[in-house]
Amino acid sequence: PKTRQKLVHIHASAEELNRVYQADLAIQATMNAAARS
């Protein structure tokens, strides 16, 4: 559940974040909003 690499996980679903991988930074955002940010 913890990657060797630093992991930033951006996903539209809060339920998906930190479900399998414990990210160093988890960001909930839809793709249009995330990419524009």
All heavy atoms as atom14 arrays in JSON, in Angstrom:
{
  "sequence": "PKTRQKLVHIHASAEELNRVYQADLAIQATMNAAARS",
  "atom14_mask": [
    [1, 1, 1, 1, 1, 1, 1, 0, 0, 0, 0, 0, 0, 0],
    [1, 1, 1, 1, 1, 1, 1, 1, 1, 0, 0, 0, 0, 0],
    [1, 1, 1, 1, 1, 1, 1, 0, 0, 0, 0, 0, 0, 0],
    [1, 1, 1, 1, 1, 1, 1, 1, 1, 1, 1, 0, 0, 0],
    [1, 1, 1, 1, 1, 1, 1, 1, 1, 0, 0, 0, 0, 0],
    [1, 1, 1, 1, 1, 1, 1, 1, 1, 0, 0, 0, 0, 0],
    [1, 1, 1, 1, 1, 1, 1, 1, 0, 0, 0, 0, 0, 0],
    [1, 1, 1, 1, 1, 1, 1, 0, 0, 0, 0, 0, 0, 0],
    [1, 1, 1, 1, 1, 1, 1, 1, 1, 1, 0, 0, 0, 0],
    [1, 1, 1, 1, 1, 1, 1, 1, 0, 0, 0, 0, 0, 0],
    [1, 1, 1, 1, 1, 1, 1, 1, 1, 1, 0, 0, 0, 0],
    [1, 1, 1, 1, 1, 0, 0, 0, 0, 0, 0, 0, 0, 0],
    [1, 1, 1, 1, 1, 1, 0, 0, 0, 0, 0, 0, 0, 0],
    [1, 1, 1, 1, 1, 0, 0, 0, 0, 0, 0, 0, 0, 0],
    [1, 1, 1, 1, 1, 1, 1, 1, 1, 0, 0, 0, 0, 0],
    [1, 1, 1, 1, 1, 1, 1, 1, 1, 0, 0, 0, 0, 0],
    [1, 1, 1, 1, 1, 1, 1, 1, 0, 0, 0, 0, 0, 0],
    [1, 1, 1, 1, 1, 1, 1, 1, 0, 0, 0, 0, 0, 0],
    [1, 1, 1, 1, 1, 1, 1, 1, 1, 1, 1, 0, 0, 0],
    [1, 1, 1, 1, 1, 1, 1, 0, 0, 0, 0, 0, 0, 0],
    [1, 1, 1, 1, 1, 1, 1, 1, 1, 1, 1, 1, 0, 0],
    [1, 1, 1, 1, 1, 1, 1, 1, 1, 0, 0, 0, 0, 0],
    [1, 1, 1, 1, 1, 0, 0, 0, 0, 0, 0, 0, 0, 0],
    [1, 1, 1, 1, 1, 1, 1, 1, 0, 0, 0, 0, 0, 0],
    [1, 1, 1, 1, 1, 1, 1, 1, 0, 0, 0, 0, 0, 0],
    [1, 1, 1, 1, 1, 0, 0, 0, 0, 0, 0, 0, 0, 0],
    [1, 1, 1, 1, 1, 1, 1, 1, 0, 0, 0, 0, 0, 0],
    [1, 1, 1, 1, 1, 1, 1, 1, 1, 0, 0, 0, 0, 0],
    [1, 1, 1, 1, 1, 0, 0, 0, 0, 0, 0, 0, 0, 0],
    [1, 1, 1, 1, 1, 1, 1, 0, 0, 0, 0, 0, 0, 0],
    [1, 1, 1, 1, 1, 1, 1, 1, 0, 0, 0, 0, 0, 0],
    [1, 1, 1, 1, 1, 1, 1, 1, 0, 0, 0, 0, 0, 0],
    [1, 1, 1, 1, 1, 0, 0, 0, 0, 0, 0, 0, 0, 0],
    [1, 1, 1, 1, 1, 0, 0, 0, 0, 0, 0, 0, 0, 0],
    [1, 1, 1, 1, 1, 0, 0, 0, 0, 0, 0, 0, 0, 0],
    [1, 1, 1, 1, 1, 1, 1, 1, 1, 1, 1, 0, 0, 0],
    [1, 1, 1, 1, 1, 1, 0, 0, 0, 0, 0, 0, 0, 0]
  ],
  "atom14_positions": [
    [[0.8, -1.23, 0.0], [0.0, 0.0, 0.0], [0.83, 1.28, 0.0], [0.27, 2.36, -0.13], [-0.79, -0.12, 1.31], [0.14, -0.83, 2.23], [0.89, -1.81, 1.36], [0.0, 0.0, 0.0], [0.0, 0.0, 0.0], [0.0, 0.0, 0.0], [0.0, 0.0, 0.0], [0.0, 0.0, 0.0], [0.0, 0.0, 0.0], [0.0, 0.0, 0.0]],
    [[2.16, 1.17, 0.15], [3.01, 2.37, 0.2], [4.09, 2.25, -0.85], [4.9, 1.32, -0.83], [3.63, 2.53, 1.6], [4.36, 3.85, 1.81], [3.42, 5.03, 1.72], [4.16, 6.35, 1.93], [3.27, 7.51, 1.72], [0.0, 0.0, 0.0], [0.0, 0.0, 0.0], [0.0, 0.0, 0.0], [0.0, 0.0, 0.0], [0.0, 0.0, 0.0]],
    [[4.12, 3.18, -1.77], [5.06, 3.12, -2.89], [6.46, 3.57, -2.46], [6.62, 4.36, -1.53], [4.6, 4.02, -4.04], [4.51, 5.37, -3.57], [3.24, 3.6, -4.55], [0.0, 0.0, 0.0], [0.0, 0.0, 0.0], [0.0, 0.0, 0.0], [0.0, 0.0, 0.0], [0.0, 0.0, 0.0], [0.0, 0.0, 0.0], [0.0, 0.0, 0.0]],
    [[7.46, 3.03, -3.17], [8.84, 3.51, -2.95], [8.97, 4.95, -3.42], [9.69, 5.75, -2.81], [9.82, 2.63, -3.74], [9.88, 1.19, -3.29], [10.95, 0.42, -4.07], [10.72, 0.46, -5.49], [9.97, -0.42, -6.14], [9.37, -1.39, -5.47], [9.81, -0.35, -7.44], [0.0, 0.0, 0.0], [0.0, 0.0, 0.0], [0.0, 0.0, 0.0]],
    [[8.3, 5.27, -4.53], [8.32, 6.61, -5.06], [7.37, 7.5, -4.25], [6.41, 7.02, -3.66], [7.86, 6.62, -6.53], [8.51, 5.57, -7.41], [7.75, 4.25, -7.45], [7.08, 3.88, -6.47], [7.85, 3.53, -8.56], [0.0, 0.0, 0.0], [0.0, 0.0, 0.0], [0.0, 0.0, 0.0], [0.0, 0.0, 0.0], [0.0, 0.0, 0.0]],
    [[7.64, 8.79, -4.23], [6.65, 9.72, -3.72], [5.45, 9.66, -4.65], [5.61, 9.65, -5.88], [7.21, 11.14, -3.67], [8.32, 11.35, -2.63], [7.77, 11.33, -1.22], [8.86, 11.63, -0.21], [8.36, 11.56, 1.19], [0.0, 0.0, 0.0], [0.0, 0.0, 0.0], [0.0, 0.0, 0.0], [0.0, 0.0, 0.0], [0.0, 0.0, 0.0]],
    [[4.25, 9.64, -4.09], [3.05, 9.48, -4.91], [2.07, 10.62, -4.66], [1.64, 10.84, -3.52], [2.36, 8.15, -4.61], [1.01, 7.9, -5.29], [1.16, 7.86, -6.81], [0.37, 6.61, -4.78], [0.0, 0.0, 0.0], [0.0, 0.0, 0.0], [0.0, 0.0, 0.0], [0.0, 0.0, 0.0], [0.0, 0.0, 0.0], [0.0, 0.0, 0.0]],
    [[1.72, 11.31, -5.76], [0.62, 12.26, -5.75], [-0.51, 11.63, -6.55], [-0.34, 11.31, -7.72], [1.02, 13.62, -6.37], [-0.19, 14.55, -6.43], [2.16, 14.25, -5.6], [0.0, 0.0, 0.0], [0.0, 0.0, 0.0], [0.0, 0.0, 0.0], [0.0, 0.0, 0.0], [0.0, 0.0, 0.0], [0.0, 0.0, 0.0], [0.0, 0.0, 0.0]],
    [[-1.64, 11.42, -5.91], [-2.76, 10.76, -6.58], [-3.91, 11.75, -6.67], [-4.44, 12.2, -5.64], [-3.19, 9.51, -5.8], [-4.12, 8.61, -6.57], [-4.71, 7.49, -6.03], [-4.55, 8.66, -7.87], [-5.46, 6.9, -6.95], [-5.38, 7.6, -8.06], [0.0, 0.0, 0.0], [0.0, 0.0, 0.0], [0.0, 0.0, 0.0], [0.0, 0.0, 0.0]],
    [[-4.3, 12.08, -7.9], [-5.42, 12.98, -8.15], [-6.55, 12.16, -8.75], [-6.37, 11.51, -9.79], [-5.02, 14.12, -9.1], [-3.83, 14.91, -8.54], [-6.2, 15.05, -9.35], [-3.31, 15.98, -9.47], [0.0, 0.0, 0.0], [0.0, 0.0, 0.0], [0.0, 0.0, 0.0], [0.0, 0.0, 0.0], [0.0, 0.0, 0.0], [0.0, 0.0, 0.0]],
    [[-7.71, 12.19, -8.1], [-8.84, 11.39, -8.57], [-10.12, 12.11, -8.23], [-10.19, 12.87, -7.26], [-8.81, 10.0, -7.92], [-9.63, 8.99, -8.66], [-10.97, 8.83, -8.45], [-9.28, 8.07, -9.61], [-11.43, 7.87, -9.25], [-10.42, 7.4, -9.96], [0.0, 0.0, 0.0], [0.0, 0.0, 0.0], [0.0, 0.0, 0.0], [0.0, 0.0, 0.0]],
    [[-11.16, 11.84, -9.02], [-12.44, 12.52, -8.82], [-13.22, 11.99, -7.63], [-14.11, 12.67, -7.13], [-13.3, 12.38, -10.08], [0.0, 0.0, 0.0], [0.0, 0.0, 0.0], [0.0, 0.0, 0.0], [0.0, 0.0, 0.0], [0.0, 0.0, 0.0], [0.0, 0.0, 0.0], [0.0, 0.0, 0.0], [0.0, 0.0, 0.0], [0.0, 0.0, 0.0]],
    [[-12.89, 10.8, -7.16], [-13.65, 10.17, -6.09], [-12.87, 10.16, -4.79], [-11.74, 9.63, -4.74], [-14.02, 8.74, -6.48], [-14.57, 8.04, -5.39], [0.0, 0.0, 0.0], [0.0, 0.0, 0.0], [0.0, 0.0, 0.0], [0.0, 0.0, 0.0], [0.0, 0.0, 0.0], [0.0, 0.0, 0.0], [0.0, 0.0, 0.0], [0.0, 0.0, 0.0]],
    [[-13.46, 10.69, -3.74], [-12.81, 10.64, -2.42], [-12.65, 9.19, -1.96], [-11.67, 8.85, -1.29], [-13.65, 11.43, -1.41], [0.0, 0.0, 0.0], [0.0, 0.0, 0.0], [0.0, 0.0, 0.0], [0.0, 0.0, 0.0], [0.0, 0.0, 0.0], [0.0, 0.0, 0.0], [0.0, 0.0, 0.0], [0.0, 0.0, 0.0], [0.0, 0.0, 0.0]],
    [[-13.61, 8.33, -2.34], [-13.55, 6.93, -1.91], [-12.39, 6.19, -2.55], [-11.91, 5.18, -2.01], [-14.87, 6.21, -2.27], [-16.07, 6.64, -1.44], [-16.61, 8.0, -1.82], [-16.29, 8.48, -2.93], [-17.36, 8.59, -1.02], [0.0, 0.0, 0.0], [0.0, 0.0, 0.0], [0.0, 0.0, 0.0], [0.0, 0.0, 0.0], [0.0, 0.0, 0.0]],
    [[-11.93, 6.66, -3.71], [-10.84, 5.99, -4.4], [-9.48, 6.36, -3.82], [-8.53, 5.57, -3.85], [-10.88, 6.33, -5.89], [-10.04, 5.42, -6.77], [-10.52, 3.98, -6.73], [-11.74, 3.75, -6.66], [-9.66, 3.08, -6.76], [0.0, 0.0, 0.0], [0.0, 0.0, 0.0], [0.0, 0.0, 0.0], [0.0, 0.0, 0.0], [0.0, 0.0, 0.0]],
    [[-9.36, 7.57, -3.3], [-8.09, 8.05, -2.76], [-7.75, 7.32, -1.47], [-8.59, 7.18, -0.58], [-8.15, 9.56, -2.53], [-8.31, 10.39, -3.81], [-8.69, 11.82, -3.48], [-7.04, 10.34, -4.65], [0.0, 0.0, 0.0], [0.0, 0.0, 0.0], [0.0, 0.0, 0.0], [0.0, 0.0, 0.0], [0.0, 0.0, 0.0], [0.0, 0.0, 0.0]],
    [[-6.5, 6.85, -1.38], [-6.0, 6.12, -0.21], [-6.76, 4.81, 0.04], [-6.72, 4.27, 1.14], [-6.04, 6.99, 1.05], [-5.11, 8.18, 0.95], [-4.02, 8.08, 0.4], [-5.54, 9.33, 1.46], [0.0, 0.0, 0.0], [0.0, 0.0, 0.0], [0.0, 0.0, 0.0], [0.0, 0.0, 0.0], [0.0, 0.0, 0.0], [0.0, 0.0, 0.0]],
    [[-7.43, 4.3, -1.0], [-8.12, 3.02, -0.87], [-7.16, 1.86, -1.01], [-7.17, 0.93, -0.2], [-9.24, 2.91, -1.9], [-10.05, 1.61, -1.79], [-11.27, 1.63, -2.71], [-10.9, 1.55, -4.11], [-10.75, 0.4, -4.78], [-10.91, -0.76, -4.16], [-10.45, 0.4, -6.06], [0.0, 0.0, 0.0], [0.0, 0.0, 0.0], [0.0, 0.0, 0.0]],
    [[-6.31, 1.89, -2.05], [-5.29, 0.87, -2.25], [-3.92, 1.42, -1.89], [-3.14, 0.78, -1.17], [-5.3, 0.36, -3.7], [-4.18, -0.66, -3.93], [-6.65, -0.25, -4.05], [0.0, 0.0, 0.0], [0.0, 0.0, 0.0], [0.0, 0.0, 0.0], [0.0, 0.0, 0.0], [0.0, 0.0, 0.0], [0.0, 0.0, 0.0], [0.0, 0.0, 0.0]],
    [[-3.64, 2.61, -2.39], [-2.33, 3.24, -2.17], [-2.46, 4.4, -1.18], [-3.33, 5.26, -1.33], [-1.76, 3.76, -3.49], [-1.31, 2.66, -4.41], [-2.14, 2.16, -5.41], [-0.04, 2.09, -4.26], [-1.73, 1.14, -6.24], [0.38, 1.07, -5.1], [-0.46, 0.6, -6.08], [-0.05, -0.42, -6.9], [0.0, 0.0, 0.0], [0.0, 0.0, 0.0]],
    [[-1.59, 4.4, -0.2], [-1.51, 5.53, 0.73], [-0.6, 6.58, 0.09], [0.62, 6.48, 0.14], [-0.96, 5.07, 2.08], [-1.9, 4.12, 2.82], [-3.21, 4.79, 3.19], [-3.22, 5.84, 3.81], [-4.32, 4.17, 2.81], [0.0, 0.0, 0.0], [0.0, 0.0, 0.0], [0.0, 0.0, 0.0], [0.0, 0.0, 0.0], [0.0, 0.0, 0.0]],
    [[-1.22, 7.57, -0.53], [-0.46, 8.58, -1.28], [0.23, 9.55, -0.33], [-0.25, 9.81, 0.78], [-1.4, 9.33, -2.21], [0.0, 0.0, 0.0], [0.0, 0.0, 0.0], [0.0, 0.0, 0.0], [0.0, 0.0, 0.0], [0.0, 0.0, 0.0], [0.0, 0.0, 0.0], [0.0, 0.0, 0.0], [0.0, 0.0, 0.0], [0.0, 0.0, 0.0]],
    [[1.35, 10.09, -0.78], [2.0, 11.17, -0.03], [1.17, 12.44, -0.12], [1.2, 13.27, 0.8], [3.41, 11.4, -0.59], [4.3, 10.19, -0.39], [4.88, 10.05, 0.69], [4.39, 9.37, -1.32], [0.0, 0.0, 0.0], [0.0, 0.0, 0.0], [0.0, 0.0, 0.0], [0.0, 0.0, 0.0], [0.0, 0.0, 0.0], [0.0, 0.0, 0.0]],
    [[0.43, 12.57, -1.22], [-0.48, 13.69, -1.38], [-1.68, 13.2, -2.19], [-1.51, 12.78, -3.33], [0.19, 14.87, -2.09], [-0.68, 16.1, -2.37], [-1.2, 16.71, -1.07], [0.09, 17.14, -3.19], [0.0, 0.0, 0.0], [0.0, 0.0, 0.0], [0.0, 0.0, 0.0], [0.0, 0.0, 0.0], [0.0, 0.0, 0.0], [0.0, 0.0, 0.0]],
    [[-2.86, 13.24, -1.6], [-4.09, 12.84, -2.29], [-4.93, 14.08, -2.53], [-5.16, 14.87, -1.61], [-4.86, 11.83, -1.45], [0.0, 0.0, 0.0], [0.0, 0.0, 0.0], [0.0, 0.0, 0.0], [0.0, 0.0, 0.0], [0.0, 0.0, 0.0], [0.0, 0.0, 0.0], [0.0, 0.0, 0.0], [0.0, 0.0, 0.0], [0.0, 0.0, 0.0]],
    [[-5.35, 14.24, -3.77], [-6.14, 15.41, -4.16], [-7.42, 14.94, -4.84], [-7.37, 14.22, -5.84], [-5.36, 16.33, -5.12], [-4.07, 16.84, -4.46], [-6.23, 17.5, -5.58], [-3.19, 17.66, -5.39], [0.0, 0.0, 0.0], [0.0, 0.0, 0.0], [0.0, 0.0, 0.0], [0.0, 0.0, 0.0], [0.0, 0.0, 0.0], [0.0, 0.0, 0.0]],
    [[-8.57, 15.34, -4.28], [-9.84, 15.02, -4.94], [-10.18, 16.14, -5.91], [-10.35, 17.29, -5.52], [-10.97, 14.86, -3.93], [-12.28, 14.46, -4.6], [-13.46, 14.48, -3.66], [-13.32, 14.82, -2.48], [-14.63, 14.11, -4.16], [0.0, 0.0, 0.0], [0.0, 0.0, 0.0], [0.0, 0.0, 0.0], [0.0, 0.0, 0.0], [0.0, 0.0, 0.0]],
    [[-10.26, 15.78, -7.19], [-10.6, 16.77, -8.22], [-11.03, 16.03, -9.47], [-10.48, 14.97, -9.8], [-9.43, 17.68, -8.53], [0.0, 0.0, 0.0], [0.0, 0.0, 0.0], [0.0, 0.0, 0.0], [0.0, 0.0, 0.0], [0.0, 0.0, 0.0], [0.0, 0.0, 0.0], [0.0, 0.0, 0.0], [0.0, 0.0, 0.0], [0.0, 0.0, 0.0]],
    [[-12.03, 16.57, -10.16], [-12.38, 16.03, -11.47], [-11.32, 16.44, -12.47], [-10.54, 17.38, -12.26], [-13.75, 16.55, -11.9], [-13.78, 17.97, -11.74], [-14.86, 15.94, -11.05], [0.0, 0.0, 0.0], [0.0, 0.0, 0.0], [0.0, 0.0, 0.0], [0.0, 0.0, 0.0], [0.0, 0.0, 0.0], [0.0, 0.0, 0.0], [0.0, 0.0, 0.0]],
    [[-11.27, 15.73, -13.59], [-10.15, 15.92, -14.51], [-10.13, 17.32, -15.12], [-9.06, 17.93, -15.27], [-10.18, 14.86, -15.6], [-9.91, 13.44, -15.08], [-8.39, 13.31, -14.1], [-8.98, 13.43, -12.42], [0.0, 0.0, 0.0], [0.0, 0.0, 0.0], [0.0, 0.0, 0.0], [0.0, 0.0, 0.0], [0.0, 0.0, 0.0], [0.0, 0.0, 0.0]],
    [[-11.28, 17.86, -15.49], [-11.3, 19.21, -16.05], [-10.75, 20.22, -15.05], [-9.94, 21.09, -15.39], [-12.72, 19.61, -16.46], [-13.11, 19.05, -17.82], [-12.25, 18.72, -18.62], [-14.4, 18.95, -18.07], [0.0, 0.0, 0.0], [0.0, 0.0, 0.0], [0.0, 0.0, 0.0], [0.0, 0.0, 0.0], [0.0, 0.0, 0.0], [0.0, 0.0, 0.0]],
    [[-11.19, 20.1, -13.8], [-10.75, 21.04, -12.77], [-9.29, 20.81, -12.43], [-8.52, 21.77, -12.27], [-11.62, 20.89, -11.53], [0.0, 0.0, 0.0], [0.0, 0.0, 0.0], [0.0, 0.0, 0.0], [0.0, 0.0, 0.0], [0.0, 0.0, 0.0], [0.0, 0.0, 0.0], [0.0, 0.0, 0.0], [0.0, 0.0, 0.0], [0.0, 0.0, 0.0]],
    [[-8.88, 19.55, -12.3], [-7.5, 19.26, -11.92], [-6.51, 19.77, -12.97], [-5.52, 20.43, -12.65], [-7.32, 17.75, -11.74], [0.0, 0.0, 0.0], [0.0, 0.0, 0.0], [0.0, 0.0, 0.0], [0.0, 0.0, 0.0], [0.0, 0.0, 0.0], [0.0, 0.0, 0.0], [0.0, 0.0, 0.0], [0.0, 0.0, 0.0], [0.0, 0.0, 0.0]],
    [[-6.78, 19.45, -14.24], [-5.85, 19.86, -15.29], [-5.77, 21.37, -15.41], [-4.68, 21.93, -15.64], [-6.27, 19.23, -16.62], [0.0, 0.0, 0.0], [0.0, 0.0, 0.0], [0.0, 0.0, 0.0], [0.0, 0.0, 0.0], [0.0, 0.0, 0.0], [0.0, 0.0, 0.0], [0.0, 0.0, 0.0], [0.0, 0.0, 0.0], [0.0, 0.0, 0.0]],
    [[-6.89, 22.04, -15.26], [-6.87, 23.51, -15.34], [-6.14, 24.12, -14.16], [-5.53, 25.2, -14.28], [-8.31, 24.02, -15.45], [-8.95, 23.71, -16.8], [-10.45, 23.92, -16.8], [-10.82, 25.3, -16.54], [-12.08, 25.71, -16.37], [-13.07, 24.82, -16.44], [-12.34, 26.97, -16.15], [0.0, 0.0, 0.0], [0.0, 0.0, 0.0], [0.0, 0.0, 0.0]],
    [[-6.2, 23.46, -13.0], [-5.43, 23.94, -11.86], [-3.94, 23.71, -12.06], [-3.11, 24.56, -11.72], [-5.89, 23.23, -10.57], [-7.24, 23.53, -10.27], [0.0, 0.0, 0.0], [0.0, 0.0, 0.0], [0.0, 0.0, 0.0], [0.0, 0.0, 0.0], [0.0, 0.0, 0.0], [0.0, 0.0, 0.0], [0.0, 0.0, 0.0], [0.0, 0.0, 0.0]]
  ]
}
